[in-house]
């Protein structure tokens, strides 16, 4: 894609609440919403949508000279490729080779929470040292949470949804601090969808547990 094409895609169409809106940003947002909708019904199409959305955000951040954010989107693309492979060929627990919606035990939840909280200040410190961010720790928390949520989602663990709810709510505060009001509205929608996704996956899990075991 040429620089001229990028300029057209990310040229501001209009201003909304003081923020410029471009075709590229609108398309990336629409792909992100489609991704969440597919995740809610455990449709693997969610992963290519995630890849496409992150690719657009990579170009958007490069166009805005936000190189750290662009690098993060590349990480999300790599994780989406992994998640897609897990949903297509991943194996589940012993005795249930197919990867299905399932839950962590109490110990697993504590490990996930502990590792996420431990990584948060480390990333915040890194951002404070190597970037000019004025909110490094606030920025680091949803970033670490997004990595945790993607890993859980890739393994079809139902705990990914409360993680995404927390990530979206924290992100609303982050983007409000930055005055990115369209993004605030988008993440509010993501938070509601994550709540609905959690409810949908709980129903799927309950149906699986109630189903009689298959004959071997």
N, C-alpha and C. Protein backbone atom coordinates (compact mmCIF):
# COMPACT_ATOMS: atom_id res chain seq x y z
N UNK A 1 0.86 -1.19 0.00
CA UNK A 1 0.00 0.00 0.00
C UNK A 1 0.89 1.25 0.00
N UNK A 2 0.65 2.17 -0.91
CA UNK A 2 1.48 3.35 -1.04
C UNK A 2 1.18 4.36 0.06
N UNK A 3 2.15 5.27 0.27
CA UNK A 3 1.96 6.32 1.27
C UNK A 3 0.78 7.22 0.90
N UNK A 4 0.59 7.40 -0.43
CA UNK A 4 -0.53 8.22 -0.86
C UNK A 4 -1.87 7.58 -0.50
N UNK A 5 -1.95 6.26 -0.68
CA UNK A 5 -3.18 5.55 -0.31
C UNK A 5 -3.43 5.63 1.18
N UNK A 6 -2.36 5.47 1.97
CA UNK A 6 -2.50 5.58 3.42
C UNK A 6 -3.01 6.96 3.81
N UNK A 7 -2.52 7.98 3.10
CA UNK A 7 -2.96 9.33 3.41
C UNK A 7 -4.44 9.51 3.19
N UNK A 8 -4.97 8.86 2.13
CA UNK A 8 -6.40 8.96 1.85
C UNK A 8 -7.20 8.21 2.90
N UNK A 9 -6.75 7.00 3.26
CA UNK A 9 -7.49 6.16 4.20
C UNK A 9 -7.57 6.81 5.58
N UNK A 10 -6.47 7.45 5.98
CA UNK A 10 -6.43 8.00 7.34
C UNK A 10 -6.57 9.51 7.38
N UNK A 11 -6.95 10.10 6.24
CA UNK A 11 -7.24 11.55 6.25
C UNK A 11 -8.52 11.81 7.03
N UNK A 12 -8.57 12.82 7.88
CA UNK A 12 -9.78 13.11 8.66
C UNK A 12 -10.97 13.42 7.75
N UNK A 13 -12.09 12.75 8.00
CA UNK A 13 -13.33 13.02 7.28
C UNK A 13 -14.10 14.14 7.95
N UNK A 14 -14.15 14.09 9.28
CA UNK A 14 -14.82 15.12 10.07
C UNK A 14 -14.28 15.06 11.49
N UNK A 15 -14.68 16.00 12.29
CA UNK A 15 -14.28 16.06 13.69
C UNK A 15 -15.49 15.66 14.54
N UNK A 16 -15.25 14.81 15.53
CA UNK A 16 -16.31 14.40 16.46
C UNK A 16 -15.78 14.59 17.87
N UNK A 17 -16.43 15.51 18.63
CA UNK A 17 -16.02 15.79 20.00
C UNK A 17 -14.53 16.14 20.09
N UNK A 18 -14.06 16.83 19.07
CA UNK A 18 -12.67 17.28 19.07
C UNK A 18 -11.69 16.26 18.54
N UNK A 19 -12.15 15.08 18.11
CA UNK A 19 -11.27 14.03 17.60
C UNK A 19 -11.50 13.84 16.11
N UNK A 20 -10.42 13.75 15.28
CA UNK A 20 -10.58 13.51 13.85
C UNK A 20 -11.01 12.07 13.58
N UNK A 21 -11.94 11.89 12.65
CA UNK A 21 -12.43 10.56 12.28
C UNK A 21 -12.05 10.29 10.84
N UNK A 22 -11.46 9.09 10.59
CA UNK A 22 -11.05 8.72 9.23
C UNK A 22 -11.73 7.42 8.82
N UNK A 23 -11.69 7.14 7.50
CA UNK A 23 -12.23 5.89 6.98
C UNK A 23 -11.52 4.70 7.62
N UNK A 24 -10.20 4.79 7.73
CA UNK A 24 -9.42 3.69 8.32
C UNK A 24 -9.82 3.40 9.74
N UNK A 25 -10.03 4.45 10.55
CA UNK A 25 -10.41 4.25 11.94
C UNK A 25 -11.81 3.65 12.04
N UNK A 26 -12.73 4.13 11.20
CA UNK A 26 -14.08 3.59 11.20
C UNK A 26 -14.08 2.11 10.82
N UNK A 27 -13.29 1.76 9.79
CA UNK A 27 -13.23 0.37 9.35
C UNK A 27 -12.60 -0.51 10.43
N UNK A 28 -11.53 -0.03 11.06
CA UNK A 28 -10.89 -0.80 12.13
C UNK A 28 -11.85 -1.04 13.28
N UNK A 29 -12.64 -0.02 13.61
CA UNK A 29 -13.61 -0.15 14.69
C UNK A 29 -14.70 -1.16 14.33
N UNK A 30 -15.18 -1.10 13.08
CA UNK A 30 -16.22 -2.03 12.64
C UNK A 30 -15.70 -3.47 12.68
N UNK A 31 -14.46 -3.68 12.26
CA UNK A 31 -13.87 -5.02 12.30
C UNK A 31 -13.75 -5.50 13.75
N UNK A 32 -13.39 -4.57 14.65
CA UNK A 32 -13.29 -4.94 16.06
C UNK A 32 -14.63 -5.35 16.64
N UNK A 33 -15.69 -4.65 16.27
CA UNK A 33 -17.02 -5.03 16.74
C UNK A 33 -17.44 -6.38 16.18
N UNK A 34 -17.13 -6.61 14.90
CA UNK A 34 -17.43 -7.91 14.30
C UNK A 34 -16.67 -9.04 14.99
N UNK A 35 -15.43 -8.76 15.37
CA UNK A 35 -14.62 -9.76 16.08
C UNK A 35 -15.28 -10.17 17.39
N UNK A 36 -15.72 -9.17 18.17
CA UNK A 36 -16.35 -9.48 19.46
C UNK A 36 -17.64 -10.25 19.25
N UNK A 37 -18.43 -9.86 18.25
CA UNK A 37 -19.68 -10.57 17.96
C UNK A 37 -19.41 -12.04 17.62
N UNK A 38 -18.37 -12.31 16.85
CA UNK A 38 -18.03 -13.69 16.51
C UNK A 38 -17.52 -14.45 17.73
N UNK A 39 -16.74 -13.79 18.59
CA UNK A 39 -16.28 -14.45 19.81
C UNK A 39 -17.44 -14.87 20.69
N UNK A 40 -18.49 -14.06 20.72
CA UNK A 40 -19.64 -14.36 21.57
C UNK A 40 -20.29 -15.69 21.21
N UNK A 41 -20.25 -16.05 19.93
CA UNK A 41 -20.87 -17.31 19.48
C UNK A 41 -19.82 -18.35 19.13
N UNK A 42 -18.60 -18.14 19.59
CA UNK A 42 -17.47 -19.07 19.40
C UNK A 42 -17.26 -19.37 17.92
N UNK A 43 -17.29 -18.33 17.10
CA UNK A 43 -17.06 -18.46 15.66
C UNK A 43 -15.60 -18.09 15.37
N UNK A 44 -14.81 -19.02 14.78
CA UNK A 44 -13.40 -18.74 14.54
C UNK A 44 -13.14 -17.59 13.56
N UNK A 45 -14.18 -17.10 12.87
CA UNK A 45 -14.00 -15.93 12.01
C UNK A 45 -13.53 -14.73 12.83
N UNK A 46 -13.72 -14.78 14.15
CA UNK A 46 -13.27 -13.69 15.02
C UNK A 46 -11.78 -13.42 14.85
N UNK A 47 -10.99 -14.46 14.65
CA UNK A 47 -9.54 -14.27 14.62
C UNK A 47 -9.05 -13.54 13.37
N UNK A 48 -9.48 -13.90 12.15
CA UNK A 48 -9.07 -13.09 11.00
C UNK A 48 -9.59 -11.65 11.08
N UNK A 49 -10.77 -11.46 11.68
CA UNK A 49 -11.26 -10.09 11.87
C UNK A 49 -10.33 -9.33 12.83
N UNK A 50 -9.87 -10.00 13.87
CA UNK A 50 -8.94 -9.38 14.81
C UNK A 50 -7.64 -9.01 14.11
N UNK A 51 -7.16 -9.89 13.24
CA UNK A 51 -5.91 -9.63 12.51
C UNK A 51 -6.08 -8.41 11.60
N UNK A 52 -7.21 -8.37 10.88
CA UNK A 52 -7.46 -7.25 9.96
C UNK A 52 -7.59 -5.94 10.74
N UNK A 53 -8.30 -5.97 11.87
CA UNK A 53 -8.47 -4.76 12.67
C UNK A 53 -7.14 -4.27 13.21
N UNK A 54 -6.31 -5.19 13.73
CA UNK A 54 -5.01 -4.80 14.26
C UNK A 54 -4.09 -4.29 13.17
N UNK A 55 -4.19 -4.87 11.97
CA UNK A 55 -3.36 -4.40 10.86
C UNK A 55 -3.71 -2.96 10.51
N UNK A 56 -5.01 -2.64 10.49
CA UNK A 56 -5.42 -1.27 10.21
C UNK A 56 -4.96 -0.31 11.32
N UNK A 57 -5.08 -0.77 12.57
CA UNK A 57 -4.63 0.08 13.67
C UNK A 57 -3.11 0.27 13.62
N UNK A 58 -2.38 -0.75 13.15
CA UNK A 58 -0.93 -0.59 12.98
C UNK A 58 -0.63 0.55 12.01
N UNK A 59 -1.31 0.56 10.87
CA UNK A 59 -1.11 1.61 9.88
C UNK A 59 -1.56 2.97 10.42
N UNK A 60 -2.68 2.96 11.16
CA UNK A 60 -3.18 4.21 11.74
C UNK A 60 -2.16 4.80 12.71
N UNK A 61 -1.60 3.96 13.59
CA UNK A 61 -0.64 4.45 14.57
C UNK A 61 0.68 4.87 13.91
N UNK A 62 1.08 4.14 12.86
CA UNK A 62 2.28 4.56 12.13
C UNK A 62 2.06 5.92 11.47
N UNK A 63 0.86 6.11 10.91
CA UNK A 63 0.53 7.39 10.29
C UNK A 63 0.55 8.52 11.31
N UNK A 64 0.21 8.18 12.57
CA UNK A 64 0.21 9.18 13.64
C UNK A 64 1.54 9.24 14.39
N UNK A 65 2.52 8.45 13.93
CA UNK A 65 3.85 8.37 14.54
C UNK A 65 3.80 7.89 15.99
N UNK A 66 2.86 6.98 16.25
CA UNK A 66 2.77 6.32 17.55
C UNK A 66 3.38 4.92 17.40
N UNK A 67 4.72 4.87 17.41
CA UNK A 67 5.42 3.65 17.05
C UNK A 67 5.28 2.55 18.10
N UNK A 68 5.18 2.93 19.36
CA UNK A 68 4.98 1.93 20.40
C UNK A 68 3.63 1.24 20.26
N UNK A 69 2.58 2.02 20.02
CA UNK A 69 1.25 1.45 19.83
C UNK A 69 1.20 0.58 18.58
N UNK A 70 1.91 1.00 17.54
CA UNK A 70 1.95 0.20 16.31
C UNK A 70 2.63 -1.15 16.58
N UNK A 71 3.71 -1.15 17.35
CA UNK A 71 4.40 -2.39 17.69
C UNK A 71 3.49 -3.32 18.49
N UNK A 72 2.70 -2.74 19.39
CA UNK A 72 1.78 -3.54 20.19
C UNK A 72 0.75 -4.24 19.30
N UNK A 73 0.27 -3.54 18.26
CA UNK A 73 -0.70 -4.16 17.35
C UNK A 73 -0.08 -5.35 16.62
N UNK A 74 1.22 -5.28 16.31
CA UNK A 74 1.90 -6.41 15.68
C UNK A 74 1.92 -7.61 16.63
N UNK A 75 2.10 -7.34 17.93
CA UNK A 75 2.04 -8.42 18.92
C UNK A 75 0.64 -9.04 18.93
N UNK A 76 -0.39 -8.20 18.87
CA UNK A 76 -1.75 -8.72 18.87
C UNK A 76 -2.03 -9.55 17.61
N UNK A 77 -1.45 -9.16 16.47
CA UNK A 77 -1.61 -9.96 15.25
C UNK A 77 -1.00 -11.34 15.44
N UNK A 78 0.21 -11.39 16.01
CA UNK A 78 0.86 -12.68 16.26
C UNK A 78 0.03 -13.54 17.21
N UNK A 79 -0.54 -12.92 18.25
CA UNK A 79 -1.35 -13.66 19.21
C UNK A 79 -2.65 -14.13 18.57
N UNK A 80 -3.20 -13.32 17.66
CA UNK A 80 -4.43 -13.72 16.97
C UNK A 80 -4.17 -14.92 16.06
N UNK A 81 -3.02 -14.96 15.42
CA UNK A 81 -2.66 -16.13 14.61
C UNK A 81 -2.58 -17.38 15.48
N UNK A 82 -1.99 -17.23 16.67
CA UNK A 82 -1.92 -18.35 17.61
C UNK A 82 -3.32 -18.76 18.05
N UNK A 83 -4.16 -17.80 18.40
CA UNK A 83 -5.52 -18.11 18.84
C UNK A 83 -6.32 -18.81 17.76
N UNK A 84 -6.17 -18.34 16.53
CA UNK A 84 -6.87 -18.96 15.40
C UNK A 84 -6.45 -20.42 15.24
N UNK A 85 -5.14 -20.68 15.35
CA UNK A 85 -4.64 -22.05 15.25
C UNK A 85 -5.18 -22.91 16.40
N UNK A 86 -5.28 -22.32 17.61
CA UNK A 86 -5.82 -23.06 18.75
C UNK A 86 -7.27 -23.46 18.50
N UNK A 87 -8.06 -22.54 17.99
CA UNK A 87 -9.48 -22.84 17.77
C UNK A 87 -9.66 -23.85 16.65
N UNK A 88 -8.76 -23.88 15.70
CA UNK A 88 -8.89 -24.81 14.58
C UNK A 88 -8.33 -26.18 14.90
N UNK A 89 -7.18 -26.23 15.62
CA UNK A 89 -6.51 -27.52 15.82
C UNK A 89 -6.14 -27.79 17.27
N UNK A 90 -6.48 -26.87 18.17
CA UNK A 90 -6.09 -27.04 19.56
C UNK A 90 -6.78 -28.21 20.23
N UNK A 91 -6.13 -28.76 21.24
CA UNK A 91 -6.67 -29.91 21.97
C UNK A 91 -7.09 -29.46 23.36
N UNK A 92 -8.06 -30.14 23.89
CA UNK A 92 -8.57 -29.81 25.21
C UNK A 92 -7.92 -30.62 26.31
N UNK A 93 -8.66 -30.83 27.39
CA UNK A 93 -8.15 -31.58 28.52
C UNK A 93 -8.14 -33.07 28.21
N UNK A 94 -7.45 -33.82 29.06
CA UNK A 94 -7.38 -35.27 28.89
C UNK A 94 -8.79 -35.86 28.88
N UNK A 95 -9.04 -36.75 27.95
CA UNK A 95 -10.36 -37.36 27.84
C UNK A 95 -11.32 -36.55 26.99
N UNK A 96 -10.92 -35.36 26.62
CA UNK A 96 -11.76 -34.50 25.77
C UNK A 96 -10.83 -33.80 24.79
N UNK A 97 -10.42 -34.51 23.73
CA UNK A 97 -9.38 -33.97 22.86
C UNK A 97 -9.76 -32.68 22.14
N UNK A 98 -11.06 -32.48 21.86
CA UNK A 98 -11.46 -31.25 21.16
C UNK A 98 -11.41 -30.06 22.13
N UNK A 99 -10.95 -28.92 21.63
CA UNK A 99 -10.91 -27.71 22.45
C UNK A 99 -12.31 -27.12 22.53
N UNK A 100 -12.87 -27.11 23.73
CA UNK A 100 -14.22 -26.61 23.94
C UNK A 100 -14.18 -25.50 24.99
N UNK A 101 -15.29 -24.77 25.10
CA UNK A 101 -15.41 -23.76 26.15
C UNK A 101 -15.29 -24.45 27.50
N UNK A 102 -14.39 -23.94 28.34
CA UNK A 102 -14.21 -24.52 29.67
C UNK A 102 -13.74 -23.42 30.63
N UNK A 103 -13.54 -23.79 31.88
CA UNK A 103 -13.20 -22.80 32.91
C UNK A 103 -11.95 -23.20 33.66
N UNK A 104 -11.25 -22.21 34.16
CA UNK A 104 -10.13 -22.45 35.06
C UNK A 104 -10.65 -22.82 36.44
N UNK A 105 -9.86 -23.52 37.19
CA UNK A 105 -10.17 -23.73 38.59
C UNK A 105 -9.76 -22.50 39.41
N UNK A 106 -10.07 -22.54 40.70
CA UNK A 106 -9.74 -21.41 41.57
C UNK A 106 -8.25 -21.12 41.56
N UNK A 107 -7.44 -22.15 41.61
CA UNK A 107 -5.99 -21.96 41.61
C UNK A 107 -5.52 -21.32 40.31
N UNK A 108 -6.09 -21.76 39.20
CA UNK A 108 -5.72 -21.19 37.91
C UNK A 108 -6.08 -19.72 37.82
N UNK A 109 -7.25 -19.35 38.35
CA UNK A 109 -7.65 -17.94 38.35
C UNK A 109 -6.68 -17.09 39.16
N UNK A 110 -6.27 -17.62 40.31
CA UNK A 110 -5.34 -16.87 41.16
C UNK A 110 -3.99 -16.68 40.46
N UNK A 111 -3.53 -17.71 39.75
CA UNK A 111 -2.28 -17.61 39.01
C UNK A 111 -2.39 -16.54 37.91
N UNK A 112 -3.49 -16.57 37.17
CA UNK A 112 -3.68 -15.59 36.08
C UNK A 112 -3.71 -14.18 36.66
N UNK A 113 -4.47 -13.99 37.73
CA UNK A 113 -4.56 -12.67 38.35
C UNK A 113 -3.21 -12.21 38.87
N UNK A 114 -2.50 -13.10 39.55
CA UNK A 114 -1.21 -12.74 40.12
C UNK A 114 -0.18 -12.37 39.06
N UNK A 115 -0.11 -13.16 37.98
CA UNK A 115 0.85 -12.88 36.92
C UNK A 115 0.52 -11.58 36.19
N UNK A 116 -0.76 -11.33 35.99
CA UNK A 116 -1.17 -10.09 35.32
C UNK A 116 -0.81 -8.87 36.16
N UNK A 117 -1.12 -8.93 37.45
CA UNK A 117 -0.82 -7.80 38.34
C UNK A 117 0.69 -7.62 38.51
N UNK A 118 1.45 -8.71 38.44
CA UNK A 118 2.90 -8.60 38.55
C UNK A 118 3.50 -7.97 37.29
N UNK A 119 2.92 -8.29 36.13
CA UNK A 119 3.45 -7.74 34.87
C UNK A 119 3.10 -6.27 34.70
N UNK A 120 2.01 -5.83 35.30
CA UNK A 120 1.54 -4.45 35.13
C UNK A 120 2.60 -3.41 35.50
N UNK A 121 3.14 -3.40 36.73
CA UNK A 121 4.13 -2.36 37.06
C UNK A 121 5.43 -2.49 36.26
N UNK A 122 5.75 -3.72 35.84
CA UNK A 122 6.97 -3.90 35.04
C UNK A 122 6.81 -3.22 33.68
N UNK A 123 5.67 -3.42 33.05
CA UNK A 123 5.43 -2.75 31.77
C UNK A 123 5.30 -1.25 31.97
N UNK A 124 4.65 -0.84 33.05
CA UNK A 124 4.54 0.59 33.34
C UNK A 124 5.89 1.24 33.50
N UNK A 125 6.79 0.56 34.20
CA UNK A 125 8.15 1.08 34.37
C UNK A 125 8.86 1.17 33.03
N UNK A 126 8.70 0.13 32.19
CA UNK A 126 9.32 0.14 30.86
C UNK A 126 8.81 1.31 30.04
N UNK A 127 7.49 1.52 30.02
CA UNK A 127 6.93 2.62 29.26
C UNK A 127 7.40 3.97 29.78
N UNK A 128 7.57 4.07 31.09
CA UNK A 128 8.02 5.35 31.67
C UNK A 128 9.48 5.64 31.32
N UNK A 129 10.25 4.57 31.03
CA UNK A 129 11.67 4.76 30.74
C UNK A 129 11.97 4.94 29.26
N UNK A 130 11.20 4.26 28.39
CA UNK A 130 11.56 4.24 26.97
C UNK A 130 10.59 5.00 26.09
N UNK A 131 9.51 5.54 26.66
CA UNK A 131 8.57 6.33 25.86
C UNK A 131 8.34 7.68 26.55
N UNK A 132 7.63 8.56 25.85
CA UNK A 132 7.30 9.85 26.43
C UNK A 132 5.86 9.87 26.97
N UNK A 133 5.32 8.69 27.28
CA UNK A 133 3.96 8.60 27.80
C UNK A 133 3.83 9.37 29.11
N UNK A 134 2.73 10.11 29.24
CA UNK A 134 2.48 10.81 30.49
C UNK A 134 1.56 10.01 31.41
N UNK A 135 1.11 8.83 30.95
CA UNK A 135 0.29 7.94 31.78
C UNK A 135 0.79 6.50 31.62
N UNK A 136 2.07 6.23 31.88
CA UNK A 136 2.62 4.91 31.56
C UNK A 136 1.95 3.76 32.31
N UNK A 137 1.61 3.96 33.57
CA UNK A 137 1.03 2.86 34.35
C UNK A 137 -0.45 2.66 34.01
N UNK A 138 -1.15 3.73 33.74
CA UNK A 138 -2.53 3.60 33.30
C UNK A 138 -2.60 2.95 31.93
N UNK A 139 -1.63 3.24 31.07
CA UNK A 139 -1.56 2.63 29.74
C UNK A 139 -1.17 1.17 29.84
N UNK A 140 -0.29 0.85 30.80
CA UNK A 140 0.23 -0.52 30.91
C UNK A 140 -0.83 -1.51 31.37
N UNK A 141 -1.75 -1.07 32.25
CA UNK A 141 -2.71 -2.00 32.83
C UNK A 141 -3.63 -2.63 31.78
N UNK A 142 -4.31 -1.86 30.92
CA UNK A 142 -5.14 -2.51 29.90
C UNK A 142 -4.32 -3.27 28.86
N UNK A 143 -3.08 -2.85 28.65
CA UNK A 143 -2.22 -3.58 27.70
C UNK A 143 -1.93 -4.98 28.21
N UNK A 144 -1.50 -5.07 29.47
CA UNK A 144 -1.23 -6.38 30.06
C UNK A 144 -2.52 -7.20 30.13
N UNK A 145 -3.62 -6.54 30.49
CA UNK A 145 -4.89 -7.24 30.55
C UNK A 145 -5.32 -7.78 29.19
N UNK A 146 -5.04 -7.03 28.12
CA UNK A 146 -5.39 -7.48 26.77
C UNK A 146 -4.62 -8.74 26.39
N UNK A 147 -3.35 -8.79 26.79
CA UNK A 147 -2.55 -9.99 26.51
C UNK A 147 -3.12 -11.19 27.27
N UNK A 148 -3.46 -10.97 28.54
CA UNK A 148 -4.07 -12.05 29.34
C UNK A 148 -5.39 -12.50 28.72
N UNK A 149 -6.24 -11.53 28.35
CA UNK A 149 -7.53 -11.87 27.77
C UNK A 149 -7.40 -12.65 26.48
N UNK A 150 -6.43 -12.28 25.64
CA UNK A 150 -6.23 -12.98 24.37
C UNK A 150 -5.76 -14.41 24.59
N UNK A 151 -4.85 -14.60 25.56
CA UNK A 151 -4.38 -15.95 25.86
C UNK A 151 -5.52 -16.84 26.37
N UNK A 152 -6.35 -16.29 27.24
CA UNK A 152 -7.49 -17.06 27.76
C UNK A 152 -8.50 -17.35 26.65
N UNK A 153 -8.75 -16.35 25.81
CA UNK A 153 -9.69 -16.53 24.70
C UNK A 153 -9.19 -17.60 23.74
N UNK A 154 -7.90 -17.58 23.46
CA UNK A 154 -7.33 -18.57 22.54
C UNK A 154 -7.51 -20.00 23.03
N UNK A 155 -7.55 -20.18 24.34
CA UNK A 155 -7.78 -21.51 24.91
C UNK A 155 -9.24 -21.76 25.25
N UNK A 156 -10.14 -20.87 24.80
CA UNK A 156 -11.58 -20.98 25.04
C UNK A 156 -11.91 -21.06 26.53
N UNK A 157 -11.18 -20.31 27.32
CA UNK A 157 -11.44 -20.24 28.75
C UNK A 157 -12.43 -19.12 29.02
N UNK A 158 -13.50 -19.42 29.75
CA UNK A 158 -14.58 -18.48 29.95
C UNK A 158 -14.12 -17.24 30.72
N UNK A 159 -13.03 -17.38 31.46
CA UNK A 159 -12.52 -16.24 32.23
C UNK A 159 -12.01 -15.10 31.37
N UNK A 160 -11.90 -15.33 30.05
CA UNK A 160 -11.46 -14.22 29.20
C UNK A 160 -12.46 -13.06 29.26
N UNK A 161 -13.75 -13.37 29.45
CA UNK A 161 -14.76 -12.31 29.39
C UNK A 161 -14.68 -11.33 30.56
N UNK A 162 -14.59 -11.78 31.82
CA UNK A 162 -14.41 -10.78 32.88
C UNK A 162 -13.12 -9.99 32.73
N UNK A 163 -12.09 -10.62 32.16
CA UNK A 163 -10.86 -9.87 31.91
C UNK A 163 -11.11 -8.75 30.90
N UNK A 164 -11.85 -9.07 29.82
CA UNK A 164 -12.14 -8.05 28.81
C UNK A 164 -13.05 -6.95 29.37
N UNK A 165 -13.97 -7.31 30.25
CA UNK A 165 -14.81 -6.29 30.87
C UNK A 165 -13.93 -5.30 31.63
N UNK A 166 -13.00 -5.83 32.43
CA UNK A 166 -12.09 -4.96 33.19
C UNK A 166 -11.22 -4.12 32.26
N UNK A 167 -10.67 -4.76 31.22
CA UNK A 167 -9.81 -4.03 30.27
C UNK A 167 -10.58 -2.89 29.62
N UNK A 168 -11.80 -3.16 29.19
CA UNK A 168 -12.58 -2.13 28.51
C UNK A 168 -12.94 -0.97 29.45
N UNK A 169 -13.29 -1.27 30.68
CA UNK A 169 -13.64 -0.22 31.63
C UNK A 169 -12.42 0.65 31.96
N UNK A 170 -11.27 0.01 32.14
CA UNK A 170 -10.05 0.78 32.40
C UNK A 170 -9.68 1.62 31.18
N UNK A 171 -9.86 1.03 29.98
CA UNK A 171 -9.54 1.75 28.75
C UNK A 171 -10.43 2.97 28.57
N UNK A 172 -11.70 2.87 29.00
CA UNK A 172 -12.59 4.02 28.93
C UNK A 172 -11.99 5.19 29.72
N UNK A 173 -11.49 4.90 30.93
CA UNK A 173 -10.85 5.94 31.72
C UNK A 173 -9.60 6.49 31.06
N UNK A 174 -8.79 5.60 30.48
CA UNK A 174 -7.56 6.02 29.82
C UNK A 174 -7.85 6.95 28.66
N UNK A 175 -8.78 6.56 27.80
CA UNK A 175 -9.08 7.37 26.62
C UNK A 175 -9.82 8.65 26.98
N UNK A 176 -10.57 8.63 28.09
CA UNK A 176 -11.21 9.86 28.56
C UNK A 176 -10.16 10.87 29.00
N UNK A 177 -9.12 10.38 29.68
CA UNK A 177 -8.01 11.26 30.08
C UNK A 177 -7.38 11.92 28.86
N UNK A 178 -7.31 11.17 27.76
CA UNK A 178 -6.69 11.66 26.53
C UNK A 178 -7.67 12.44 25.65
N UNK A 179 -8.94 12.49 26.05
CA UNK A 179 -9.93 13.23 25.26
C UNK A 179 -10.32 12.55 23.98
N UNK A 180 -10.14 11.22 23.89
CA UNK A 180 -10.50 10.47 22.68
C UNK A 180 -11.93 9.95 22.85
N UNK A 181 -12.90 10.82 22.63
CA UNK A 181 -14.27 10.53 23.02
C UNK A 181 -14.94 9.49 22.14
N UNK A 182 -14.60 9.44 20.85
CA UNK A 182 -15.15 8.39 20.00
C UNK A 182 -14.68 7.03 20.48
N UNK A 183 -13.41 6.93 20.84
CA UNK A 183 -12.87 5.67 21.34
C UNK A 183 -13.47 5.31 22.69
N UNK A 184 -13.75 6.31 23.51
CA UNK A 184 -14.44 6.07 24.78
C UNK A 184 -15.80 5.41 24.51
N UNK A 185 -16.54 5.96 23.55
CA UNK A 185 -17.85 5.39 23.22
C UNK A 185 -17.71 3.97 22.68
N UNK A 186 -16.69 3.74 21.84
CA UNK A 186 -16.48 2.41 21.27
C UNK A 186 -16.18 1.39 22.38
N UNK A 187 -15.33 1.77 23.33
CA UNK A 187 -14.98 0.84 24.40
C UNK A 187 -16.12 0.62 25.37
N UNK A 188 -17.02 1.59 25.48
CA UNK A 188 -18.23 1.37 26.27
C UNK A 188 -19.08 0.28 25.62
N UNK A 189 -19.16 0.31 24.28
CA UNK A 189 -19.88 -0.74 23.55
C UNK A 189 -19.17 -2.09 23.74
N UNK A 190 -17.83 -2.09 23.66
CA UNK A 190 -17.07 -3.32 23.89
C UNK A 190 -17.35 -3.89 25.28
N UNK A 191 -17.45 -3.02 26.29
CA UNK A 191 -17.71 -3.49 27.65
C UNK A 191 -19.06 -4.18 27.74
N UNK A 192 -20.08 -3.59 27.11
CA UNK A 192 -21.41 -4.21 27.11
C UNK A 192 -21.38 -5.55 26.37
N UNK A 193 -20.70 -5.59 25.23
CA UNK A 193 -20.61 -6.83 24.46
C UNK A 193 -19.86 -7.91 25.25
N UNK A 194 -18.84 -7.50 26.01
CA UNK A 194 -18.11 -8.47 26.83
C UNK A 194 -19.01 -9.07 27.90
N UNK A 195 -19.87 -8.25 28.49
CA UNK A 195 -20.83 -8.77 29.47
C UNK A 195 -21.78 -9.77 28.82
N UNK A 196 -22.25 -9.44 27.60
CA UNK A 196 -23.13 -10.36 26.88
C UNK A 196 -22.39 -11.63 26.47
N UNK A 197 -21.11 -11.48 26.10
CA UNK A 197 -20.31 -12.64 25.74
C UNK A 197 -20.10 -13.57 26.92
N UNK A 198 -19.86 -13.00 28.09
CA UNK A 198 -19.71 -13.80 29.31
C UNK A 198 -20.98 -14.60 29.58
N UNK A 199 -22.11 -13.94 29.43
CA UNK A 199 -23.40 -14.62 29.64
C UNK A 199 -23.60 -15.73 28.62
N UNK A 200 -23.26 -15.46 27.35
CA UNK A 200 -23.44 -16.47 26.30
C UNK A 200 -22.55 -17.68 26.54
N UNK A 201 -21.30 -17.45 26.94
CA UNK A 201 -20.39 -18.57 27.17
C UNK A 201 -20.78 -19.36 28.42
N UNK A 202 -21.33 -18.69 29.43
CA UNK A 202 -21.81 -19.43 30.60
C UNK A 202 -22.93 -20.39 30.19
N UNK A 203 -23.81 -19.94 29.28
CA UNK A 203 -24.88 -20.81 28.79
C UNK A 203 -24.30 -21.99 28.00
N UNK A 204 -23.29 -21.72 27.17
CA UNK A 204 -22.65 -22.79 26.40
C UNK A 204 -22.01 -23.81 27.34
N UNK A 205 -21.30 -23.31 28.35
CA UNK A 205 -20.63 -24.20 29.30
C UNK A 205 -21.64 -25.03 30.08
N UNK A 206 -22.74 -24.40 30.49
CA UNK A 206 -23.77 -25.14 31.23
C UNK A 206 -24.38 -26.23 30.36
N UNK A 207 -24.60 -25.92 29.08
CA UNK A 207 -25.17 -26.92 28.17
C UNK A 207 -24.21 -28.09 27.97
N UNK A 208 -22.92 -27.80 27.88
CA UNK A 208 -21.93 -28.87 27.72
C UNK A 208 -21.89 -29.77 28.95
N UNK A 209 -21.96 -29.16 30.14
CA UNK A 209 -21.89 -29.94 31.37
C UNK A 209 -23.15 -30.79 31.57
N UNK A 210 -24.30 -30.29 31.04
CA UNK A 210 -25.55 -31.02 31.18
C UNK A 210 -25.71 -32.12 30.15
N UNK A 211 -24.95 -32.03 29.06
CA UNK A 211 -25.10 -33.03 27.98
C UNK A 211 -24.55 -34.37 28.44
N UNK A 212 -25.18 -35.47 28.05
CA UNK A 212 -24.68 -36.79 28.42
C UNK A 212 -23.35 -37.07 27.72
N UNK A 213 -22.44 -37.80 28.35
CA UNK A 213 -21.15 -38.10 27.72
C UNK A 213 -21.33 -38.93 26.46
N UNK A 214 -20.45 -38.68 25.50
CA UNK A 214 -20.52 -39.43 24.23
C UNK A 214 -19.98 -40.83 24.44
N UNK A 215 -20.58 -41.72 23.69
CA UNK A 215 -20.10 -43.11 23.76
C UNK A 215 -18.74 -43.22 23.11
N UNK A 216 -17.84 -43.94 23.73
CA UNK A 216 -16.50 -44.06 23.19
C UNK A 216 -16.42 -45.07 22.05
